[in-house]
C-alpha atoms as a PDB file:
ATOM      1  CA  MET A   1     112.924 102.154 222.707  1.00  0.00           C
ATOM      2  CA  ALA A   2     116.641 102.929 222.470  1.00  0.00           C
ATOM      3  CA  ASP A   3     116.704 103.588 226.225  1.00  0.00           C
ATOM      4  CA  ILE A   4     115.621 100.042 227.036  1.00  0.00           C
ATOM      5  CA  ALA A   5     118.229  98.617 224.671  1.00  0.00           C
ATOM      6  CA  GLN A   6     120.949 100.734 226.263  1.00  0.00           C
ATOM      7  CA  LYS A   7     119.908  99.660 229.757  1.00  0.00           C
ATOM      8  CA  LYS A   8     119.970  95.996 228.723  1.00  0.00           C
ATOM      9  CA  GLU A   9     123.374  96.498 227.104  1.00  0.00           C
ATOM     10  CA  ALA A  10     124.692  98.139 230.283  1.00  0.00           C
ATOM     11  CA  GLU A  11     123.356  95.256 232.378  1.00  0.00           C
ATOM     12  CA  ILE A  12     125.015  92.722 230.098  1.00  0.00           C
ATOM     13  CA  GLN A  13     128.321  94.580 230.322  1.00  0.00           C
ATOM     14  CA  LYS A  14     128.085  94.687 234.120  1.00  0.00           C
ATOM     15  CA  LYS A  15     127.549  90.931 234.195  1.00  0.00           C
ATOM     16  CA  GLU A  16     130.478  90.389 231.814  1.00  0.00           C
ATOM     17  CA  VAL A  17     132.711  92.473 234.082  1.00  0.00           C
ATOM     18  CA  GLU A  18     131.511  90.419 237.052  1.00  0.00           C
ATOM     19  CA  VAL A  19     132.362  87.195 235.212  1.00  0.00           C
ATOM     20  CA  LEU A  20     135.807  88.503 234.293  1.00  0.00           C
ATOM     21  CA  LYS A  21     136.460  89.452 237.921  1.00  0.00           C
ATOM     22  CA  ASN A  22     135.426  85.965 239.029  1.00  0.00           C
ATOM     23  CA  GLU A  23     137.679  84.376 236.402  1.00  0.00           C
ATOM     24  CA  ALA A  24     140.580  86.535 237.569  1.00  0.00           C
ATOM     25  CA  GLU A  25     139.918  85.430 241.147  1.00  0.00           C
ATOM     26  CA  VAL A  26     139.903  81.780 240.057  1.00  0.00           C
ATOM     27  CA  SER A  27     143.170  82.291 238.156  1.00  0.00           C
ATOM     28  CA  LYS A  28     144.770  83.791 241.261  1.00  0.00           C
ATOM     29  CA  LYS A  29     143.669  80.807 243.331  1.00  0.00           C
ATOM     30  CA  GLN A  30     144.975  78.375 240.703  1.00  0.00           C
ATOM     31  CA  ALA A  31     148.312  80.199 240.687  1.00  0.00           C
ATOM     32  CA  GLU A  32     148.405  79.943 244.480  1.00  0.00           C
ATOM     33  CA  VAL A  33     147.752  76.192 244.281  1.00  0.00           C
ATOM     34  CA  CYS A  34     150.511  75.796 241.683  1.00  0.00           C
ATOM     35  CA  LYS A  35     152.944  77.643 243.953  1.00  0.00           C
ATOM     36  CA  GLN A  36     152.026  75.387 246.860  1.00  0.00           C
ATOM     37  CA  LYS A  37     152.449  72.258 244.718  1.00  0.00           C
ATOM     38  CA  ALA A  38     155.825  73.498 243.525  1.00  0.00           C
ATOM     39  CA  ALA A  39     156.888  74.145 247.114  1.00  0.00           C
ATOM     40  CA  ILE A  40     155.846  70.621 248.112  1.00  0.00           C
ATOM     41  CA  VAL A  41     157.742  69.105 245.185  1.00  0.00           C
ATOM     42  CA  ARG A  42     160.866  71.107 246.091  1.00  0.00           C
ATOM     43  CA  ARG A  43     160.577  69.965 249.684  1.00  0.00           C
ATOM     44  CA  LEU A  44     160.228  66.329 248.673  1.00  0.00           C
ATOM     45  CA  ARG A  45     163.220  66.537 246.338  1.00  0.00           C
ATOM     46  CA  ALA A  46     165.297  68.183 249.049  1.00  0.00           C
ATOM     47  CA  GLU A  47     164.753  65.232 251.398  1.00  0.00           C
END
């Protein structure tokens, strides 16, 4: 009985790790977009 619970718990933790990795990836992409926007704004102000 405890074995099944531990396996389920391990599966849940794996999925949580997966979600965290995905969120980190999304954050990186958002940071990239922010950098690009900032670069565009700087370029426009420079003109």
